[in-house]
Full PDB file with SEQRES, HELIX, SHEET, SSBOND, CRYST1, ORIGX, SCALE, CONECT and MASTER records, all heavy atoms in Angstrom:
SEQRES   1 A   41  ALA HIS PRO SER ASN HIS ALA SER ILE ARG MET LEU ALA          
SEQRES   2 A   41  PRO PHE PHE LEU PHE GLN ASP ASP SER ARG SER LEU PRO          
SEQRES   3 A   41  GLY PHE ARG ARG PHE TRP ASN ASP LEU GLY ASP TYR GLY          
SEQRES   4 A   41  ALA ILE                                                      
HELIX    1 AA1 HIS A    6  LEU A   12  1                                   7    
HELIX    2 AA2 ALA A   13  PHE A   15  5                                   3    
HELIX    3 AA3 LEU A   35  ASP A   37  5                                   3    
SHEET    1 AA1 2 PHE A  18  ASP A  21  0                                        
SHEET    2 AA1 2 ARG A  29  TRP A  32 -1                                        
CRYST1    1.000    1.000    1.000  90.00  90.00  90.00 P 1           1          
ORIGX1      1.000000  0.000000  0.000000        0.00000                         
ORIGX2      0.000000  1.000000  0.000000        0.00000                         
ORIGX3      0.000000  0.000000  1.000000        0.00000                         
SCALE1      1.000000  0.000000  0.000000        0.00000                         
SCALE2      0.000000  1.000000  0.000000        0.00000                         
SCALE3      0.000000  0.000000  1.000000        0.00000                         
ATOM      1  N   ALA A   1     -17.975 -67.882 -82.516  1.00  0.00           N  
ATOM      2  CA  ALA A   1     -17.973 -66.563 -81.882  1.00  0.00           C  
ATOM      3  C   ALA A   1     -18.970 -66.596 -80.728  1.00  0.00           C  
ATOM      4  O   ALA A   1     -19.994 -67.282 -80.796  1.00  0.00           O  
ATOM      5  CB  ALA A   1     -18.366 -65.478 -82.872  1.00  0.00           C  
ATOM      6  N   HIS A   2     -18.658 -65.862 -79.682  1.00  0.00           N  
ATOM      7  CA  HIS A   2     -19.584 -65.735 -78.564  1.00  0.00           C  
ATOM      8  C   HIS A   2     -20.782 -64.905 -79.034  1.00  0.00           C  
ATOM      9  O   HIS A   2     -20.610 -63.921 -79.755  1.00  0.00           O  
ATOM     10  CB  HIS A   2     -18.883 -65.045 -77.384  1.00  0.00           C  
ATOM     11  CG  HIS A   2     -19.655 -65.141 -76.124  1.00  0.00           C  
ATOM     12  ND1 HIS A   2     -20.673 -64.268 -75.822  1.00  0.00           N  
ATOM     13  CD2 HIS A   2     -19.581 -66.023 -75.097  1.00  0.00           C  
ATOM     14  CE1 HIS A   2     -21.186 -64.582 -74.651  1.00  0.00           C  
ATOM     15  NE2 HIS A   2     -20.552 -65.652 -74.188  1.00  0.00           N  
ATOM     16  N   PRO A   3     -22.003 -65.278 -78.652  1.00  0.00           N  
ATOM     17  CA  PRO A   3     -23.174 -64.535 -79.127  1.00  0.00           C  
ATOM     18  C   PRO A   3     -23.190 -63.057 -78.714  1.00  0.00           C  
ATOM     19  O   PRO A   3     -23.861 -62.252 -79.353  1.00  0.00           O  
ATOM     20  CB  PRO A   3     -24.365 -65.290 -78.535  1.00  0.00           C  
ATOM     21  CG  PRO A   3     -23.824 -66.298 -77.602  1.00  0.00           C  
ATOM     22  CD  PRO A   3     -22.356 -66.433 -77.844  1.00  0.00           C  
ATOM     23  N   SER A   4     -22.443 -62.695 -77.693  1.00  0.00           N  
ATOM     24  CA  SER A   4     -22.372 -61.283 -77.286  1.00  0.00           C  
ATOM     25  C   SER A   4     -21.276 -60.518 -78.024  1.00  0.00           C  
ATOM     26  O   SER A   4     -21.172 -59.301 -77.872  1.00  0.00           O  
ATOM     27  CB  SER A   4     -22.118 -61.187 -75.781  1.00  0.00           C  
ATOM     28  OG  SER A   4     -23.191 -61.755 -75.080  1.00  0.00           O  
ATOM     29  N   ASN A   5     -20.466 -61.221 -78.797  1.00  0.00           N  
ATOM     30  CA  ASN A   5     -19.378 -60.567 -79.538  1.00  0.00           C  
ATOM     31  C   ASN A   5     -19.929 -60.101 -80.893  1.00  0.00           C  
ATOM     32  O   ASN A   5     -19.702 -60.706 -81.933  1.00  0.00           O  
ATOM     33  CB  ASN A   5     -18.204 -61.526 -79.708  1.00  0.00           C  
ATOM     34  CG  ASN A   5     -16.980 -60.850 -80.256  1.00  0.00           C  
ATOM     35  OD1 ASN A   5     -17.056 -59.774 -80.827  1.00  0.00           O  
ATOM     36  ND2 ASN A   5     -15.837 -61.496 -80.116  1.00  0.00           N  
ATOM     37  N   HIS A   6     -20.653 -59.015 -80.855  1.00  0.00           N  
ATOM     38  CA  HIS A   6     -21.348 -58.521 -82.046  1.00  0.00           C  
ATOM     39  C   HIS A   6     -20.387 -58.156 -83.175  1.00  0.00           C  
ATOM     40  O   HIS A   6     -20.715 -58.343 -84.346  1.00  0.00           O  
ATOM     41  CB  HIS A   6     -22.241 -57.336 -81.676  1.00  0.00           C  
ATOM     42  CG  HIS A   6     -23.256 -57.683 -80.630  1.00  0.00           C  
ATOM     43  ND1 HIS A   6     -24.292 -58.559 -80.850  1.00  0.00           N  
ATOM     44  CD2 HIS A   6     -23.363 -57.308 -79.335  1.00  0.00           C  
ATOM     45  CE1 HIS A   6     -25.008 -58.702 -79.757  1.00  0.00           C  
ATOM     46  NE2 HIS A   6     -24.471 -57.947 -78.818  1.00  0.00           N  
ATOM     47  N   ALA A   7     -19.219 -57.647 -82.834  1.00  0.00           N  
ATOM     48  CA  ALA A   7     -18.245 -57.286 -83.872  1.00  0.00           C  
ATOM     49  C   ALA A   7     -17.799 -58.523 -84.656  1.00  0.00           C  
ATOM     50  O   ALA A   7     -17.727 -58.502 -85.887  1.00  0.00           O  
ATOM     51  CB  ALA A   7     -17.043 -56.573 -83.255  1.00  0.00           C  
ATOM     52  N   SER A   8     -17.505 -59.607 -83.946  1.00  0.00           N  
ATOM     53  CA  SER A   8     -17.097 -60.844 -84.631  1.00  0.00           C  
ATOM     54  C   SER A   8     -18.229 -61.409 -85.476  1.00  0.00           C  
ATOM     55  O   SER A   8     -18.012 -61.882 -86.590  1.00  0.00           O  
ATOM     56  CB  SER A   8     -16.624 -61.891 -83.622  1.00  0.00           C  
ATOM     57  OG  SER A   8     -15.386 -61.522 -83.092  1.00  0.00           O  
ATOM     58  N   ILE A   9     -19.419 -61.349 -84.947  1.00  0.00           N  
ATOM     59  CA  ILE A   9     -20.569 -61.862 -85.697  1.00  0.00           C  
ATOM     60  C   ILE A   9     -20.767 -61.064 -86.980  1.00  0.00           C  
ATOM     61  O   ILE A   9     -20.982 -61.644 -88.047  1.00  0.00           O  
ATOM     62  CB  ILE A   9     -21.830 -61.862 -84.809  1.00  0.00           C  
ATOM     63  CG1 ILE A   9     -21.666 -62.940 -83.725  1.00  0.00           C  
ATOM     64  CG2 ILE A   9     -23.096 -62.082 -85.636  1.00  0.00           C  
ATOM     65  CD1 ILE A   9     -22.699 -62.893 -82.628  1.00  0.00           C  
ATOM     66  N   ARG A  10     -20.650 -59.731 -86.912  1.00  0.00           N  
ATOM     67  CA  ARG A  10     -20.763 -58.893 -88.113  1.00  0.00           C  
ATOM     68  C   ARG A  10     -19.665 -59.230 -89.124  1.00  0.00           C  
ATOM     69  O   ARG A  10     -19.894 -59.210 -90.331  1.00  0.00           O  
ATOM     70  CB  ARG A  10     -20.678 -57.412 -87.748  1.00  0.00           C  
ATOM     71  CG  ARG A  10     -21.966 -56.791 -87.309  1.00  0.00           C  
ATOM     72  CD  ARG A  10     -21.891 -55.270 -87.239  1.00  0.00           C  
ATOM     73  NE  ARG A  10     -20.789 -54.781 -86.444  1.00  0.00           N  
ATOM     74  CZ  ARG A  10     -20.817 -54.577 -85.121  1.00  0.00           C  
ATOM     75  NH1 ARG A  10     -21.919 -54.845 -84.444  1.00  0.00           N  
ATOM     76  NH2 ARG A  10     -19.780 -54.123 -84.488  1.00  0.00           N  
ATOM     77  N   MET A  11     -18.467 -59.528 -88.625  1.00  0.00           N  
ATOM     78  CA  MET A  11     -17.357 -59.847 -89.509  1.00  0.00           C  
ATOM     79  C   MET A  11     -17.556 -61.215 -90.169  1.00  0.00           C  
ATOM     80  O   MET A  11     -17.306 -61.378 -91.360  1.00  0.00           O  
ATOM     81  CB  MET A  11     -16.038 -59.831 -88.721  1.00  0.00           C  
ATOM     82  CG  MET A  11     -14.828 -60.218 -89.531  1.00  0.00           C  
ATOM     83  SD  MET A  11     -13.323 -60.250 -88.539  1.00  0.00           S  
ATOM     84  CE  MET A  11     -13.700 -61.500 -87.317  1.00  0.00           C  
ATOM     85  N   LEU A  12     -18.001 -62.210 -89.406  1.00  0.00           N  
ATOM     86  CA  LEU A  12     -18.118 -63.575 -89.918  1.00  0.00           C  
ATOM     87  C   LEU A  12     -19.342 -63.802 -90.805  1.00  0.00           C  
ATOM     88  O   LEU A  12     -19.273 -64.549 -91.786  1.00  0.00           O  
ATOM     89  CB  LEU A  12     -18.163 -64.565 -88.746  1.00  0.00           C  
ATOM     90  CG  LEU A  12     -16.894 -64.687 -87.907  1.00  0.00           C  
ATOM     91  CD1 LEU A  12     -17.171 -65.513 -86.655  1.00  0.00           C  
ATOM     92  CD2 LEU A  12     -15.766 -65.298 -88.712  1.00  0.00           C  
ATOM     93  N   ALA A  13     -20.454 -63.182 -90.467  1.00  0.00           N  
ATOM     94  CA  ALA A  13     -21.728 -63.496 -91.120  1.00  0.00           C  
ATOM     95  C   ALA A  13     -21.698 -63.440 -92.654  1.00  0.00           C  
ATOM     96  O   ALA A  13     -22.270 -64.327 -93.293  1.00  0.00           O  
ATOM     97  CB  ALA A  13     -22.833 -62.594 -90.567  1.00  0.00           C  
ATOM     98  N   PRO A  14     -21.031 -62.478 -93.287  1.00  0.00           N  
ATOM     99  CA  PRO A  14     -21.049 -62.463 -94.759  1.00  0.00           C  
ATOM    100  C   PRO A  14     -20.328 -63.647 -95.411  1.00  0.00           C  
ATOM    101  O   PRO A  14     -20.513 -63.905 -96.596  1.00  0.00           O  
ATOM    102  CB  PRO A  14     -20.315 -61.154 -95.114  1.00  0.00           C  
ATOM    103  CG  PRO A  14     -20.403 -60.310 -93.905  1.00  0.00           C  
ATOM    104  CD  PRO A  14     -20.407 -61.266 -92.750  1.00  0.00           C  
ATOM    105  N   PHE A  15     -19.537 -64.374 -94.649  1.00  0.00           N  
ATOM    106  CA  PHE A  15     -18.746 -65.470 -95.216  1.00  0.00           C  
ATOM    107  C   PHE A  15     -19.359 -66.845 -94.977  1.00  0.00           C  
ATOM    108  O   PHE A  15     -18.874 -67.836 -95.504  1.00  0.00           O  
ATOM    109  CB  PHE A  15     -17.326 -65.440 -94.638  1.00  0.00           C  
ATOM    110  CG  PHE A  15     -16.557 -64.233 -95.087  1.00  0.00           C  
ATOM    111  CD1 PHE A  15     -16.609 -63.057 -94.347  1.00  0.00           C  
ATOM    112  CD2 PHE A  15     -15.820 -64.251 -96.248  1.00  0.00           C  
ATOM    113  CE1 PHE A  15     -15.914 -61.927 -94.765  1.00  0.00           C  
ATOM    114  CE2 PHE A  15     -15.127 -63.137 -96.674  1.00  0.00           C  
ATOM    115  CZ  PHE A  15     -15.179 -61.965 -95.928  1.00  0.00           C  
ATOM    116  N   PHE A  16     -20.395 -66.907 -94.154  1.00  0.00           N  
ATOM    117  CA  PHE A  16     -20.962 -68.195 -93.760  1.00  0.00           C  
ATOM    118  C   PHE A  16     -22.474 -68.190 -93.960  1.00  0.00           C  
ATOM    119  O   PHE A  16     -23.154 -67.250 -93.565  1.00  0.00           O  
ATOM    120  CB  PHE A  16     -20.628 -68.503 -92.296  1.00  0.00           C  
ATOM    121  CG  PHE A  16     -19.165 -68.685 -92.049  1.00  0.00           C  
ATOM    122  CD1 PHE A  16     -18.364 -67.608 -91.692  1.00  0.00           C  
ATOM    123  CD2 PHE A  16     -18.567 -69.933 -92.196  1.00  0.00           C  
ATOM    124  CE1 PHE A  16     -16.993 -67.769 -91.471  1.00  0.00           C  
ATOM    125  CE2 PHE A  16     -17.208 -70.099 -91.983  1.00  0.00           C  
ATOM    126  CZ  PHE A  16     -16.428 -69.024 -91.626  1.00  0.00           C  
ATOM    127  N   LEU A  17     -22.992 -69.254 -94.560  1.00  0.00           N  
ATOM    128  CA  LEU A  17     -24.428 -69.365 -94.807  1.00  0.00           C  
ATOM    129  C   LEU A  17     -25.199 -69.843 -93.586  1.00  0.00           C  
ATOM    130  O   LEU A  17     -26.392 -69.552 -93.454  1.00  0.00           O  
ATOM    131  CB  LEU A  17     -24.693 -70.333 -95.961  1.00  0.00           C  
ATOM    132  CG  LEU A  17     -24.220 -69.894 -97.344  1.00  0.00           C  
ATOM    133  CD1 LEU A  17     -24.435 -71.012 -98.355  1.00  0.00           C  
ATOM    134  CD2 LEU A  17     -24.952 -68.631 -97.763  1.00  0.00           C  
ATOM    135  N   PHE A  18     -24.546 -70.596 -92.701  1.00  0.00           N  
ATOM    136  CA  PHE A  18     -25.260 -71.257 -91.619  1.00  0.00           C  
ATOM    137  C   PHE A  18     -24.677 -70.894 -90.249  1.00  0.00           C  
ATOM    138  O   PHE A  18     -23.479 -70.651 -90.125  1.00  0.00           O  
ATOM    139  CB  PHE A  18     -25.190 -72.780 -91.793  1.00  0.00           C  
ATOM    140  CG  PHE A  18     -25.635 -73.236 -93.150  1.00  0.00           C  
ATOM    141  CD1 PHE A  18     -24.706 -73.640 -94.094  1.00  0.00           C  
ATOM    142  CD2 PHE A  18     -26.983 -73.238 -93.496  1.00  0.00           C  
ATOM    143  CE1 PHE A  18     -25.105 -74.045 -95.361  1.00  0.00           C  
ATOM    144  CE2 PHE A  18     -27.384 -73.645 -94.762  1.00  0.00           C  
ATOM    145  CZ  PHE A  18     -26.444 -74.054 -95.689  1.00  0.00           C  
ATOM    146  N   GLN A  19     -25.568 -70.890 -89.245  1.00  0.00           N  
ATOM    147  CA  GLN A  19     -25.167 -70.702 -87.852  1.00  0.00           C  
ATOM    148  C   GLN A  19     -25.931 -71.703 -86.998  1.00  0.00           C  
ATOM    149  O   GLN A  19     -27.095 -71.989 -87.267  1.00  0.00           O  
ATOM    150  CB  GLN A  19     -25.537 -69.316 -87.336  1.00  0.00           C  
ATOM    151  CG  GLN A  19     -24.799 -68.172 -87.917  1.00  0.00           C  
ATOM    152  CD  GLN A  19     -25.221 -66.873 -87.241  1.00  0.00           C  
ATOM    153  OE1 GLN A  19     -25.420 -66.829 -86.035  1.00  0.00           O  
ATOM    154  NE2 GLN A  19     -25.359 -65.823 -88.031  1.00  0.00           N  
ATOM    155  N   ASP A  20     -25.264 -72.202 -85.963  1.00  0.00           N  
ATOM    156  CA  ASP A  20     -25.947 -73.019 -84.960  1.00  0.00           C  
ATOM    157  C   ASP A  20     -25.133 -72.970 -83.675  1.00  0.00           C  
ATOM    158  O   ASP A  20     -24.127 -72.263 -83.601  1.00  0.00           O  
ATOM    159  CB  ASP A  20     -26.165 -74.458 -85.454  1.00  0.00           C  
ATOM    160  CG  ASP A  20     -24.899 -75.203 -85.838  1.00  0.00           C  
ATOM    161  OD1 ASP A  20     -23.790 -74.773 -85.451  1.00  0.00           O  
ATOM    162  OD2 ASP A  20     -25.002 -76.223 -86.537  1.00  0.00           O  
ATOM    163  N   ASP A  21     -25.569 -73.686 -82.663  1.00  0.00           N  
ATOM    164  CA  ASP A  21     -24.830 -73.722 -81.408  1.00  0.00           C  
ATOM    165  C   ASP A  21     -23.615 -74.628 -81.560  1.00  0.00           C  
ATOM    166  O   ASP A  21     -23.719 -75.726 -82.117  1.00  0.00           O  
ATOM    167  CB  ASP A  21     -25.718 -74.235 -80.265  1.00  0.00           C  
ATOM    168  CG  ASP A  21     -26.828 -73.259 -79.926  1.00  0.00           C  
ATOM    169  OD1 ASP A  21     -26.613 -72.040 -80.056  1.00  0.00           O  
ATOM    170  OD2 ASP A  21     -27.916 -73.720 -79.530  1.00  0.00           O  
ATOM    171  N   SER A  22     -22.488 -74.167 -81.065  1.00  0.00           N  
ATOM    172  CA  SER A  22     -21.263 -74.959 -81.139  1.00  0.00           C  
ATOM    173  C   SER A  22     -21.340 -76.121 -80.154  1.00  0.00           C  
ATOM    174  O   SER A  22     -21.651 -75.926 -78.985  1.00  0.00           O  
ATOM    175  CB  SER A  22     -20.056 -74.076 -80.791  1.00  0.00           C  
ATOM    176  OG  SER A  22     -18.892 -74.863 -80.689  1.00  0.00           O  
ATOM    177  N   ARG A  23     -21.048 -77.306 -80.643  1.00  0.00           N  
ATOM    178  CA  ARG A  23     -21.006 -78.476 -79.755  1.00  0.00           C  
ATOM    179  C   ARG A  23     -19.673 -78.546 -79.027  1.00  0.00           C  
ATOM    180  O   ARG A  23     -19.593 -78.996 -77.896  1.00  0.00           O  
ATOM    181  CB  ARG A  23     -21.223 -79.757 -80.559  1.00  0.00           C  
ATOM    182  CG  ARG A  23     -22.620 -79.886 -81.050  1.00  0.00           C  
ATOM    183  CD  ARG A  23     -22.839 -81.224 -81.760  1.00  0.00           C  
ATOM    184  NE  ARG A  23     -23.846 -81.004 -82.777  1.00  0.00           N  
ATOM    185  CZ  ARG A  23     -23.750 -81.409 -84.015  1.00  0.00           C  
ATOM    186  NH1 ARG A  23     -22.715 -82.087 -84.420  1.00  0.00           N  
ATOM    187  NH2 ARG A  23     -24.712 -81.158 -84.878  1.00  0.00           N  
ATOM    188  N   SER A  24     -18.605 -78.090 -79.680  1.00  0.00           N  
ATOM    189  CA  SER A  24     -17.273 -78.197 -79.091  1.00  0.00           C  
ATOM    190  C   SER A  24     -16.974 -77.069 -78.108  1.00  0.00           C  
ATOM    191  O   SER A  24     -16.093 -77.202 -77.267  1.00  0.00           O  
ATOM    192  CB  SER A  24     -16.206 -78.232 -80.188  1.00  0.00           C  
ATOM    193  OG  SER A  24     -16.247 -77.037 -80.941  1.00  0.00           O  
ATOM    194  N   LEU A  25     -17.701 -75.957 -78.198  1.00  0.00           N  
ATOM    195  CA  LEU A  25     -17.477 -74.814 -77.314  1.00  0.00           C  
ATOM    196  C   LEU A  25     -18.850 -74.324 -76.837  1.00  0.00           C  
ATOM    197  O   LEU A  25     -19.425 -73.395 -77.410  1.00  0.00           O  
ATOM    198  CB  LEU A  25     -16.709 -73.720 -78.060  1.00  0.00           C  
ATOM    199  CG  LEU A  25     -15.946 -72.691 -77.261  1.00  0.00           C  
ATOM    200  CD1 LEU A  25     -14.967 -73.328 -76.271  1.00  0.00           C  
ATOM    201  CD2 LEU A  25     -15.190 -71.754 -78.186  1.00  0.00           C  
ATOM    202  N   PRO A  26     -19.392 -74.961 -75.792  1.00  0.00           N  
ATOM    203  CA  PRO A  26     -20.737 -74.616 -75.323  1.00  0.00           C  
ATOM    204  C   PRO A  26     -20.870 -73.122 -75.022  1.00  0.00           C  
ATOM    205  O   PRO A  26     -19.959 -72.492 -74.485  1.00  0.00           O  
ATOM    206  CB  PRO A  26     -20.903 -75.441 -74.047  1.00  0.00           C  
ATOM    207  CG  PRO A  26     -19.960 -76.596 -74.226  1.00  0.00           C  
ATOM    208  CD  PRO A  26     -18.789 -76.036 -75.003  1.00  0.00           C  
ATOM    209  N   GLY A  27     -22.007 -72.563 -75.409  1.00  0.00           N  
ATOM    210  CA  GLY A  27     -22.265 -71.148 -75.196  1.00  0.00           C  
ATOM    211  C   GLY A  27     -21.815 -70.271 -76.354  1.00  0.00           C  
ATOM    212  O   GLY A  27     -22.038 -69.063 -76.339  1.00  0.00           O  
ATOM    213  N   PHE A  28     -21.184 -70.853 -77.354  1.00  0.00           N  
ATOM    214  CA  PHE A  28     -20.711 -70.106 -78.523  1.00  0.00           C  
ATOM    215  C   PHE A  28     -21.549 -70.471 -79.737  1.00  0.00           C  
ATOM    216  O   PHE A  28     -22.175 -71.526 -79.788  1.00  0.00           O  
ATOM    217  CB  PHE A  28     -19.233 -70.407 -78.795  1.00  0.00           C  
ATOM    218  CG  PHE A  28     -18.293 -69.697 -77.876  1.00  0.00           C  
ATOM    219  CD1 PHE A  28     -18.190 -70.058 -76.543  1.00  0.00           C  
ATOM    220  CD2 PHE A  28     -17.515 -68.644 -78.329  1.00  0.00           C  
ATOM    221  CE1 PHE A  28     -17.334 -69.397 -75.684  1.00  0.00           C  
ATOM    222  CE2 PHE A  28     -16.645 -67.977 -77.479  1.00  0.00           C  
ATOM    223  CZ  PHE A  28     -16.558 -68.355 -76.148  1.00  0.00           C  
ATOM    224  N   ARG A  29     -21.550 -69.591 -80.732  1.00  0.00           N  
ATOM    225  CA  ARG A  29     -22.209 -69.837 -82.002  1.00  0.00           C  
ATOM    226  C   ARG A  29     -21.182 -70.377 -82.994  1.00  0.00           C  
ATOM    227  O   ARG A  29     -20.046 -69.924 -83.019  1.00  0.00           O  
ATOM    228  CB  ARG A  29     -22.814 -68.557 -82.580  1.00  0.00           C  
ATOM    229  CG  ARG A  29     -23.913 -67.955 -81.764  1.00  0.00           C  
ATOM    230  CD  ARG A  29     -25.164 -68.790 -81.709  1.00  0.00           C  
ATOM    231  NE  ARG A  29     -25.832 -68.850 -83.005  1.00  0.00           N  
ATOM    232  CZ  ARG A  29     -26.757 -69.752 -83.303  1.00  0.00           C  
ATOM    233  NH1 ARG A  29     -27.114 -70.665 -82.421  1.00  0.00           N  
ATOM    234  NH2 ARG A  29     -27.328 -69.757 -84.487  1.00  0.00           N  
ATOM    235  N   ARG A  30     -21.609 -71.330 -83.783  1.00  0.00           N  
ATOM    236  CA  ARG A  30     -20.771 -71.888 -84.843  1.00  0.00           C  
ATOM    237  C   ARG A  30     -21.286 -71.347 -86.172  1.00  0.00           C  
ATOM    238  O   ARG A  30     -22.484 -71.369 -86.453  1.00  0.00           O  
ATOM    239  CB  ARG A  30     -20.842 -73.414 -84.838  1.00  0.00           C  
ATOM    240  CG  ARG A  30     -20.022 -74.056 -85.945  1.00  0.00           C  
ATOM    241  CD  ARG A  30     -20.078 -75.568 -85.849  1.00  0.00           C  
ATOM    242  NE  ARG A  30     -21.303 -76.091 -86.413  1.00  0.00           N  
ATOM    243  CZ  ARG A  30     -21.367 -76.957 -87.425  1.00  0.00           C  
ATOM    244  NH1 ARG A  30     -20.272 -77.431 -87.972  1.00  0.00           N  
ATOM    245  NH2 ARG A  30     -22.536 -77.379 -87.872  1.00  0.00           N  
ATOM    246  N   PHE A  31     -20.364 -70.841 -86.970  1.00  0.00           N  
ATOM    247  CA  PHE A  31     -20.649 -70.384 -88.325  1.00  0.00           C  
ATOM    248  C   PHE A  31     -20.039 -71.413 -89.259  1.00  0.00           C  
ATOM    249  O   PHE A  31     -18.885 -71.804 -89.056  1.00  0.00           O  
ATOM    250  CB  PHE A  31     -20.006 -69.014 -88.578  1.00  0.00           C  
ATOM    251  CG  PHE A  31     -20.602 -67.923 -87.743  1.00  0.00           C  
ATOM    252  CD1 PHE A  31     -20.258 -67.791 -86.408  1.00  0.00           C  
ATOM    253  CD2 PHE A  31     -21.509 -67.037 -88.297  1.00  0.00           C  
ATOM    254  CE1 PHE A  31     -20.813 -66.792 -85.630  1.00  0.00           C  
ATOM    255  CE2 PHE A  31     -22.067 -66.033 -87.523  1.00  0.00           C  
ATOM    256  CZ  PHE A  31     -21.716 -65.908 -86.188  1.00  0.00           C  
ATOM    257  N   TRP A  32     -20.768 -71.836 -90.283  1.00  0.00           N  
ATOM    258  CA  TRP A  32     -20.202 -72.857 -91.150  1.00  0.00           C  
ATOM    259  C   TRP A  32     -20.858 -72.845 -92.533  1.00  0.00           C  
ATOM    260  O   TRP A  32     -21.943 -72.332 -92.720  1.00  0.00           O  
ATOM    261  CB  TRP A  32     -20.312 -74.238 -90.516  1.00  0.00           C  
ATOM    262  CG  TRP A  32     -21.724 -74.697 -90.276  1.00  0.00           C  
ATOM    263  CD1 TRP A  32     -22.529 -74.365 -89.220  1.00  0.00           C  
ATOM    264  CD2 TRP A  32     -22.495 -75.550 -91.115  1.00  0.00           C  
ATOM    265  NE1 TRP A  32     -23.748 -74.961 -89.361  1.00  0.00           N  
ATOM    266  CE2 TRP A  32     -23.763 -75.703 -90.506  1.00  0.00           C  
ATOM    267  CE3 TRP A  32     -22.241 -76.192 -92.311  1.00  0.00           C  
ATOM    268  CZ2 TRP A  32     -24.760 -76.477 -91.067  1.00  0.00           C  
ATOM    269  CZ3 TRP A  32     -23.239 -76.975 -92.883  1.00  0.00           C  
ATOM    270  CH2 TRP A  32     -24.486 -77.110 -92.232  1.00  0.00           C  
ATOM    271  N   ASN A  33     -20.149 -73.400 -93.466  1.00  0.00           N  
ATOM    272  CA  ASN A  33     -20.631 -73.709 -94.798  1.00  0.00           C  
ATOM    273  C   ASN A  33     -19.574 -74.520 -95.529  1.00  0.00           C  
ATOM    274  O   ASN A  33     -18.468 -74.711 -95.031  1.00  0.00           O  
ATOM    275  CB  ASN A  33     -21.035 -72.471 -95.603  1.00  0.00           C  
ATOM    276  CG  ASN A  33     -19.944 -71.438 -95.755  1.00  0.00           C  
ATOM    277  OD1 ASN A  33     -19.934 -70.483 -95.011  1.00  0.00           O  
ATOM    278  ND2 ASN A  33     -19.035 -71.620 -96.692  1.00  0.00           N  
ATOM    279  N   ASP A  34     -19.944 -74.985 -96.686  1.00  0.00           N  
ATOM    280  CA  ASP A  34     -19.028 -75.722 -97.538  1.00  0.00           C  
ATOM    281  C   ASP A  34     -18.301 -74.720 -98.416  1.00  0.00           C  
ATOM    282  O   ASP A  34     -18.887 -73.720 -98.833  1.00  0.00           O  
ATOM    283  CB  ASP A  34     -19.822 -76.711 -98.401  1.00  0.00           C  
ATOM    284  CG  ASP A  34     -18.914 -77.653 -99.146  1.00  0.00           C  
ATOM    285  OD1 ASP A  34     -18.401 -77.250-100.205  1.00  0.00           O  
ATOM    286  OD2 ASP A  34     -18.705 -78.777 -98.660  1.00  0.00           O  
ATOM    287  N   LEU A  35     -17.025 -74.947 -98.698  1.00  0.00           N  
ATOM    288  CA  LEU A  35     -16.292 -74.033 -99.582  1.00  0.00           C  
ATOM    289  C   LEU A  35     -16.966 -73.906-100.939  1.00  0.00           C  
ATOM    290  O   LEU A  35     -16.864 -72.876-101.590  1.00  0.00           O  
ATOM    291  CB  LEU A  35     -14.849 -74.500 -99.764  1.00  0.00           C  
ATOM    292  CG  LEU A  35     -13.886 -74.107 -98.660  1.00  0.00           C  
ATOM    293  CD1 LEU A  35     -12.514 -74.724 -98.911  1.00  0.00           C  
ATOM    294  CD2 LEU A  35     -13.764 -72.597 -98.528  1.00  0.00           C  
ATOM    295  N   GLY A  36     -17.672 -74.944-101.362  1.00  0.00           N  
ATOM    296  CA  GLY A  36     -18.391 -74.864-102.626  1.00  0.00           C  
ATOM    297  C   GLY A  36     -19.471 -73.792-102.601  1.00  0.00           C  
ATOM    298  O   GLY A  36     -19.868 -73.270-103.643  1.00  0.00           O  
ATOM    299  N   ASP A  37     -19.954 -73.433-101.389  1.00  0.00           N  
ATOM    300  CA  ASP A  37     -20.959 -72.383-101.254  1.00  0.00           C  
ATOM    301  C   ASP A  37     -20.340 -70.987-101.331  1.00  0.00           C  
ATOM    302  O   ASP A  37     -21.068 -70.007-101.458  1.00  0.00           O  
ATOM    303  CB  ASP A  37     -21.680 -72.490 -99.898  1.00  0.00           C  
ATOM    304  CG  ASP A  37     -22.425 -73.800 -99.755  1.00  0.00           C  
ATOM    305  OD1 ASP A  37     -22.941 -74.317-100.770  1.00  0.00           O  
ATOM    306  OD2 ASP A  37     -22.515 -74.305 -98.621  1.00  0.00           O  
ATOM    307  N   TYR A  38     -19.022 -70.892-101.265  1.00  0.00           N  
ATOM    308  CA  TYR A  38     -18.390 -69.583-101.201  1.00  0.00           C  
ATOM    309  C   TYR A  38     -18.664 -68.751-102.451  1.00  0.00           C  
ATOM    310  O   TYR A  38     -18.898 -67.549-102.368  1.00  0.00           O  
ATOM    311  CB  TYR A  38     -16.884 -69.713-100.964  1.00  0.00           C  
ATOM    312  CG  TYR A  38     -16.191 -68.382-100.810  1.00  0.00           C  
ATOM    313  CD1 TYR A  38     -16.561 -67.509 -99.800  1.00  0.00           C  
ATOM    314  CD2 TYR A  38     -15.193 -67.994-101.686  1.00  0.00           C  
ATOM    315  CE1 TYR A  38     -15.944 -66.277 -99.659  1.00  0.00           C  
ATOM    316  CE2 TYR A  38     -14.561 -66.771-101.549  1.00  0.00           C  
ATOM    317  CZ  TYR A  38     -14.940 -65.918-100.539  1.00  0.00           C  
ATOM    318  OH  TYR A  38     -14.335 -64.706-100.405  1.00  0.00           O  
ATOM    319  N   GLY A  39     -18.702 -69.399-103.617  1.00  0.00           N  
ATOM    320  CA  GLY A  39     -19.027 -68.673-104.838  1.00  0.00           C  
ATOM    321  C   GLY A  39     -20.405 -68.042-104.774  1.00  0.00           C  
ATOM    322  O   GLY A  39     -20.611 -66.907-105.198  1.00  0.00           O  
ATOM    323  N   ALA A  40     -21.349 -68.749-104.206  1.00  0.00           N  
ATOM    324  CA  ALA A  40     -22.717 -68.209-104.062  1.00  0.00           C  
ATOM    325  C   ALA A  40     -22.729 -67.045-103.077  1.00  0.00           C  
ATOM    326  O   ALA A  40     -23.413 -66.048-103.298  1.00  0.00           O  
ATOM    327  CB  ALA A  40     -23.672 -69.297-103.595  1.00  0.00           C  
ATOM    328  N   ILE A  41     -21.955 -67.149-102.024  1.00  0.00           N  
ATOM    329  CA  ILE A  41     -21.913 -66.093-101.010  1.00  0.00           C  
ATOM    330  C   ILE A  41     -21.363 -64.806-101.594  1.00  0.00           C  
ATOM    331  O   ILE A  41     -21.871 -63.730-101.358  1.00  0.00           O  
ATOM    332  CB  ILE A  41     -21.061 -66.534 -99.791  1.00  0.00           C  
ATOM    333  CG1 ILE A  41     -21.730 -67.694 -99.077  1.00  0.00           C  
ATOM    334  CG2 ILE A  41     -20.836 -65.373 -98.835  1.00  0.00           C  
ATOM    335  CD1 ILE A  41     -20.840 -68.375 -98.062  1.00  0.00           C  
TER     336      ILE A  41                                                      
MASTER        0    0    0    3    2    0    0    6  335    1    0    4          
END                                                                             
């Protein structure tokens, strides 16, 4: 998600434990986790 897209960030954040800068799409934030973490989330 683009860091200025606050709506997308609010939508994605509850599903992902980690965020960092996207390497494949410069200027965007990458949200990620392992599916095994989904139960904890």
